[in-house]
Amino acid sequence: MATPDTQNRPPRLWRWGLLIAVMAVVLGAWWLAVDRFATRIGLDARDTMRELPRNEDTRRPID
């Protein structure tokens, strides 16, 4: 006794493909956010570093 194929569900492969596509978009957005955050930290760190020591940093303290 066979059951009729009356279910209107999309095929399993199509659902897995859709799930993989959604996960790829989510991971791509996460990667861009992390990259932007790391770039901002890197630029802030570069801007706060001095190239040459200031005059006060090179003088010996007076005893």
PDB file of N, CA and C in Angstrom:
ATOM      1  N   MET A   1       0.836  -1.153   0.000  1.00  0.00           N
ATOM      2  CA  MET A   1       0.000   0.000   0.000  1.00  0.00           C
ATOM      3  C   MET A   1       0.902   1.244   0.000  1.00  0.00           C
ATOM      4  N   ALA A   2       0.905   1.982  -1.073  1.00  0.00           N
ATOM      5  CA  ALA A   2       1.732   3.167  -1.237  1.00  0.00           C
ATOM      6  C   ALA A   2       0.928   4.406  -0.876  1.00  0.00           C
ATOM      7  N   THR A   3       1.594   5.358  -0.271  1.00  0.00           N
ATOM      8  CA  THR A   3       0.927   6.617   0.069  1.00  0.00           C
ATOM      9  C   THR A   3       1.082   7.586  -1.096  1.00  0.00           C
ATOM     10  N   PRO A   4       0.062   8.332  -1.390  1.00  0.00           N
ATOM     11  CA  PRO A   4       0.180   9.293  -2.500  1.00  0.00           C
ATOM     12  C   PRO A   4       1.103  10.444  -2.122  1.00  0.00           C
ATOM     13  N   ASP A   5       1.791  10.960  -3.098  1.00  0.00           N
ATOM     14  CA  ASP A   5       2.736  12.061  -2.872  1.00  0.00           C
ATOM     15  C   ASP A   5       1.969  13.378  -2.939  1.00  0.00           C
ATOM     16  N   THR A   6       1.300  13.722  -1.865  1.00  0.00           N
ATOM     17  CA  THR A   6       0.469  14.927  -1.836  1.00  0.00           C
ATOM     18  C   THR A   6       1.088  16.034  -0.995  1.00  0.00           C
ATOM     19  N   GLN A   7       2.257  15.830  -0.478  1.00  0.00           N
ATOM     20  CA  GLN A   7       2.894  16.864   0.341  1.00  0.00           C
ATOM     21  C   GLN A   7       3.457  17.947  -0.567  1.00  0.00           C
ATOM     22  N   ASN A   8       3.244  19.182  -0.185  1.00  0.00           N
ATOM     23  CA  ASN A   8       3.730  20.316  -0.966  1.00  0.00           C
ATOM     24  C   ASN A   8       4.997  20.890  -0.359  1.00  0.00           C
ATOM     25  N   ARG A   9       5.878  20.031   0.102  1.00  0.00           N
ATOM     26  CA  ARG A   9       7.140  20.484   0.672  1.00  0.00           C
ATOM     27  C   ARG A   9       8.195  20.533  -0.422  1.00  0.00           C
ATOM     28  N   PRO A  10       9.085  21.506  -0.344  1.00  0.00           N
ATOM     29  CA  PRO A  10      10.169  21.523  -1.325  1.00  0.00           C
ATOM     30  C   PRO A  10      11.111  20.347  -1.094  1.00  0.00           C
ATOM     31  N   PRO A  11      11.814  19.945  -2.097  1.00  0.00           N
ATOM     32  CA  PRO A  11      12.744  18.816  -1.926  1.00  0.00           C
ATOM     33  C   PRO A  11      13.811  19.114  -0.872  1.00  0.00           C
ATOM     34  N   ARG A  12      14.305  18.062  -0.288  1.00  0.00           N
ATOM     35  CA  ARG A  12      15.280  18.184   0.792  1.00  0.00           C
ATOM     36  C   ARG A  12      16.550  18.882   0.308  1.00  0.00           C
ATOM     37  N   LEU A  13      16.991  18.582  -0.887  1.00  0.00           N
ATOM     38  CA  LEU A  13      18.211  19.206  -1.415  1.00  0.00           C
ATOM     39  C   LEU A  13      18.044  20.719  -1.551  1.00  0.00           C
ATOM     40  N   TRP A  14      16.864  21.152  -1.971  1.00  0.00           N
ATOM     41  CA  TRP A  14      16.615  22.585  -2.120  1.00  0.00           C
ATOM     42  C   TRP A  14      16.668  23.282  -0.756  1.00  0.00           C
ATOM     43  N   ARG A  15      16.122  22.649   0.264  1.00  0.00           N
ATOM     44  CA  ARG A  15      16.153  23.238   1.610  1.00  0.00           C
ATOM     45  C   ARG A  15      17.577  23.324   2.135  1.00  0.00           C
ATOM     46  N   TRP A  16      18.371  22.281   1.914  1.00  0.00           N
ATOM     47  CA  TRP A  16      19.769  22.318   2.354  1.00  0.00           C
ATOM     48  C   TRP A  16      20.541  23.404   1.611  1.00  0.00           C
ATOM     49  N   GLY A  17      20.262  23.554   0.331  1.00  0.00           N
ATOM     50  CA  GLY A  17      20.931  24.612  -0.440  1.00  0.00           C
ATOM     51  C   GLY A  17      20.577  25.986   0.076  1.00  0.00           C
ATOM     52  N   LEU A  18      19.317  26.174   0.409  1.00  0.00           N
ATOM     53  CA  LEU A  18      18.890  27.454   0.960  1.00  0.00           C
ATOM     54  C   LEU A  18      19.547  27.705   2.312  1.00  0.00           C
ATOM     55  N   LEU A  19      19.614  26.684   3.144  1.00  0.00           N
ATOM     56  CA  LEU A  19      20.260  26.820   4.443  1.00  0.00           C
ATOM     57  C   LEU A  19      21.741  27.172   4.291  1.00  0.00           C
ATOM     58  N   ILE A  20      22.417  26.532   3.367  1.00  0.00           N
ATOM     59  CA  ILE A  20      23.836  26.816   3.138  1.00  0.00           C
ATOM     60  C   ILE A  20      24.024  28.236   2.622  1.00  0.00           C
ATOM     61  N   ALA A  21      23.132  28.695   1.748  1.00  0.00           N
ATOM     62  CA  ALA A  21      23.232  30.065   1.228  1.00  0.00           C
ATOM     63  C   ALA A  21      23.030  31.092   2.345  1.00  0.00           C
ATOM     64  N   VAL A  22      22.062  30.850   3.217  1.00  0.00           N
ATOM     65  CA  VAL A  22      21.818  31.775   4.333  1.00  0.00           C
ATOM     66  C   VAL A  22      23.018  31.784   5.276  1.00  0.00           C
ATOM     67  N   MET A  23      23.563  30.620   5.563  1.00  0.00           N
ATOM     68  CA  MET A  23      24.739  30.559   6.439  1.00  0.00           C
ATOM     69  C   MET A  23      25.937  31.272   5.806  1.00  0.00           C
ATOM     70  N   ALA A  24      26.092  31.161   4.495  1.00  0.00           N
ATOM     71  CA  ALA A  24      27.200  31.850   3.820  1.00  0.00           C
ATOM     72  C   ALA A  24      27.036  33.360   3.932  1.00  0.00           C
ATOM     73  N   VAL A  25      25.823  33.850   3.802  1.00  0.00           N
ATOM     74  CA  VAL A  25      25.584  35.294   3.934  1.00  0.00           C
ATOM     75  C   VAL A  25      25.855  35.752   5.360  1.00  0.00           C
ATOM     76  N   VAL A  26      25.411  34.986   6.345  1.00  0.00           N
ATOM     77  CA  VAL A  26      25.634  35.350   7.748  1.00  0.00           C
ATOM     78  C   VAL A  26      27.121  35.341   8.073  1.00  0.00           C
ATOM     79  N   LEU A  27      27.829  34.311   7.624  1.00  0.00           N
ATOM     80  CA  LEU A  27      29.272  34.266   7.887  1.00  0.00           C
ATOM     81  C   LEU A  27      30.012  35.384   7.162  1.00  0.00           C
ATOM     82  N   GLY A  28      29.578  35.729   5.962  1.00  0.00           N
ATOM     83  CA  GLY A  28      30.193  36.843   5.240  1.00  0.00           C
ATOM     84  C   GLY A  28      29.991  38.162   5.956  1.00  0.00           C
ATOM     85  N   ALA A  29      28.800  38.393   6.466  1.00  0.00           N
ATOM     86  CA  ALA A  29      28.533  39.620   7.218  1.00  0.00           C
ATOM     87  C   ALA A  29      29.355  39.657   8.498  1.00  0.00           C
ATOM     88  N   TRP A  30      29.465  38.519   9.170  1.00  0.00           N
ATOM     89  CA  TRP A  30      30.282  38.450  10.392  1.00  0.00           C
ATOM     90  C   TRP A  30      31.743  38.741  10.069  1.00  0.00           C
ATOM     91  N   TRP A  31      32.249  38.160   8.978  1.00  0.00           N
ATOM     92  CA  TRP A  31      33.637  38.385   8.589  1.00  0.00           C
ATOM     93  C   TRP A  31      33.895  39.858   8.291  1.00  0.00           C
ATOM     94  N   LEU A  32      32.978  40.513   7.582  1.00  0.00           N
ATOM     95  CA  LEU A  32      33.155  41.930   7.289  1.00  0.00           C
ATOM     96  C   LEU A  32      33.127  42.763   8.560  1.00  0.00           C
ATOM     97  N   ALA A  33      32.265  42.431   9.495  1.00  0.00           N
ATOM     98  CA  ALA A  33      32.207  43.179  10.752  1.00  0.00           C
ATOM     99  C   ALA A  33      33.490  43.012  11.547  1.00  0.00           C
ATOM    100  N   VAL A  34      33.997  41.798  11.640  1.00  0.00           N
ATOM    101  CA  VAL A  34      35.247  41.558  12.375  1.00  0.00           C
ATOM    102  C   VAL A  34      36.409  42.255  11.683  1.00  0.00           C
ATOM    103  N   ASP A  35      36.442  42.222  10.361  1.00  0.00           N
ATOM    104  CA  ASP A  35      37.524  42.877   9.618  1.00  0.00           C
ATOM    105  C   ASP A  35      37.484  44.388   9.821  1.00  0.00           C
ATOM    106  N   ARG A  36      36.300  44.967   9.790  1.00  0.00           N
ATOM    107  CA  ARG A  36      36.182  46.410   9.999  1.00  0.00           C
ATOM    108  C   ARG A  36      36.612  46.788  11.416  1.00  0.00           C
ATOM    109  N   PHE A  37      36.202  45.986  12.389  1.00  0.00           N
ATOM    110  CA  PHE A  37      36.566  46.241  13.787  1.00  0.00           C
ATOM    111  C   PHE A  37      38.080  46.135  13.976  1.00  0.00           C
ATOM    112  N   ALA A  38      38.707  45.112  13.396  1.00  0.00           N
ATOM    113  CA  ALA A  38      40.154  44.935  13.533  1.00  0.00           C
ATOM    114  C   ALA A  38      40.905  46.058  12.828  1.00  0.00           C
ATOM    115  N   THR A  39      40.402  46.496  11.688  1.00  0.00           N
ATOM    116  CA  THR A  39      41.043  47.602  10.982  1.00  0.00           C
ATOM    117  C   THR A  39      40.975  48.877  11.807  1.00  0.00           C
ATOM    118  N   ARG A  40      39.829  49.123  12.419  1.00  0.00           N
ATOM    119  CA  ARG A  40      39.689  50.330  13.246  1.00  0.00           C
ATOM    120  C   ARG A  40      40.645  50.286  14.436  1.00  0.00           C
ATOM    121  N   ILE A  41      40.774  49.135  15.072  1.00  0.00           N
ATOM    122  CA  ILE A  41      41.709  49.010  16.187  1.00  0.00           C
ATOM    123  C   ILE A  41      43.138  49.232  15.711  1.00  0.00           C
ATOM    124  N   GLY A  42      43.479  48.657  14.564  1.00  0.00           N
ATOM    125  CA  GLY A  42      44.824  48.826  14.022  1.00  0.00           C
ATOM    126  C   GLY A  42      45.139  50.271  13.688  1.00  0.00           C
ATOM    127  N   LEU A  43      44.182  50.971  13.093  1.00  0.00           N
ATOM    128  CA  LEU A  43      44.406  52.374  12.757  1.00  0.00           C
ATOM    129  C   LEU A  43      44.516  53.227  14.015  1.00  0.00           C
ATOM    130  N   ASP A  44      43.696  52.946  15.014  1.00  0.00           N
ATOM    131  CA  ASP A  44      43.789  53.694  16.269  1.00  0.00           C
ATOM    132  C   ASP A  44      45.130  53.441  16.953  1.00  0.00           C
ATOM    133  N   ALA A  45      45.592  52.217  16.930  1.00  0.00           N
ATOM    134  CA  ALA A  45      46.880  51.907  17.545  1.00  0.00           C
ATOM    135  C   ALA A  45      48.012  52.605  16.796  1.00  0.00           C
ATOM    136  N   ARG A  46      47.935  52.636  15.485  1.00  0.00           N
ATOM    137  CA  ARG A  46      48.977  53.294  14.697  1.00  0.00           C
ATOM    138  C   ARG A  46      48.999  54.795  14.963  1.00  0.00           C
ATOM    139  N   ASP A  47      47.806  55.378  15.121  1.00  0.00           N
ATOM    140  CA  ASP A  47      47.738  56.822  15.337  1.00  0.00           C
ATOM    141  C   ASP A  47      48.228  57.218  16.723  1.00  0.00           C
ATOM    142  N   THR A  48      48.179  56.329  17.692  1.00  0.00           N
ATOM    143  CA  THR A  48      48.605  56.688  19.039  1.00  0.00           C
ATOM    144  C   THR A  48      50.097  56.457  19.264  1.00  0.00           C
ATOM    145  N   MET A  49      50.755  55.770  18.363  1.00  0.00           N
ATOM    146  CA  MET A  49      52.190  55.509  18.541  1.00  0.00           C
ATOM    147  C   MET A  49      53.000  56.687  18.011  1.00  0.00           C
ATOM    148  N   ARG A  50      54.073  57.017  18.719  1.00  0.00           N
ATOM    149  CA  ARG A  50      54.953  58.100  18.289  1.00  0.00           C
ATOM    150  C   ARG A  50      56.104  57.524  17.492  1.00  0.00           C
ATOM    151  N   GLU A  51      56.521  58.257  16.471  1.00  0.00           N
ATOM    152  CA  GLU A  51      57.626  57.778  15.640  1.00  0.00           C
ATOM    153  C   GLU A  51      58.969  57.975  16.346  1.00  0.00           C
ATOM    154  N   LEU A  52      59.177  59.145  16.919  1.00  0.00           N
ATOM    155  CA  LEU A  52      60.426  59.443  17.623  1.00  0.00           C
ATOM    156  C   LEU A  52      60.112  59.764  19.078  1.00  0.00           C
ATOM    157  N   PRO A  53      61.014  59.434  19.989  1.00  0.00           N
ATOM    158  CA  PRO A  53      60.757  59.772  21.389  1.00  0.00           C
ATOM    159  C   PRO A  53      60.791  61.287  21.588  1.00  0.00           C
ATOM    160  N   ARG A  54      59.986  61.747  22.493  1.00  0.00           N
ATOM    161  CA  ARG A  54      59.979  63.177  22.802  1.00  0.00           C
ATOM    162  C   ARG A  54      61.209  63.532  23.618  1.00  0.00           C
ATOM    163  N   ASN A  55      61.459  64.781  23.714  1.00  0.00           N
ATOM    164  CA  ASN A  55      62.649  65.255  24.407  1.00  0.00           C
ATOM    165  C   ASN A  55      62.637  64.822  25.870  1.00  0.00           C
ATOM    166  N   GLU A  56      61.464  64.819  26.490  1.00  0.00           N
ATOM    167  CA  GLU A  56      61.388  64.425  27.895  1.00  0.00           C
ATOM    168  C   GLU A  56      61.731  62.948  28.083  1.00  0.00           C
ATOM    169  N   ASP A  57      61.516  62.153  27.068  1.00  0.00           N
ATOM    170  CA  ASP A  57      61.791  60.728  27.178  1.00  0.00           C
ATOM    171  C   ASP A  57      63.283  60.411  27.070  1.00  0.00           C
ATOM    172  N   THR A  58      64.082  61.327  26.512  1.00  0.00           N
ATOM    173  CA  THR A  58      65.499  61.049  26.304  1.00  0.00           C
ATOM    174  C   THR A  58      66.392  61.649  27.382  1.00  0.00           C
ATOM    175  N   ARG A  59      65.869  62.542  28.189  1.00  0.00           N
ATOM    176  CA  ARG A  59      66.674  63.164  29.243  1.00  0.00           C
ATOM    177  C   ARG A  59      66.759  62.270  30.434  1.00  0.00           C
ATOM    178  N   ARG A  60      67.878  62.312  31.085  1.00  0.00           N
ATOM    179  CA  ARG A  60      68.053  61.537  32.329  1.00  0.00           C
ATOM    180  C   ARG A  60      67.486  62.366  33.461  1.00  0.00           C
ATOM    181  N   PRO A  61      66.832  61.722  34.388  1.00  0.00           N
ATOM    182  CA  PRO A  61      66.272  62.488  35.520  1.00  0.00           C
ATOM    183  C   PRO A  61      67.382  63.061  36.378  1.00  0.00           C
ATOM    184  N   ILE A  62      67.122  64.230  36.920  1.00  0.00           N
ATOM    185  CA  ILE A  62      68.094  64.887  37.804  1.00  0.00           C
ATOM    186  C   ILE A  62      67.966  64.259  39.182  1.00  0.00           C
ATOM    187  N   ASP A  63      69.081  63.769  39.693  1.00  0.00           N
ATOM    188  CA  ASP A  63      69.070  63.130  41.016  1.00  0.00           C
ATOM    189  C   ASP A  63      69.043  64.136  42.112  1.00  0.00           C
TER     190      ASP A  63
END
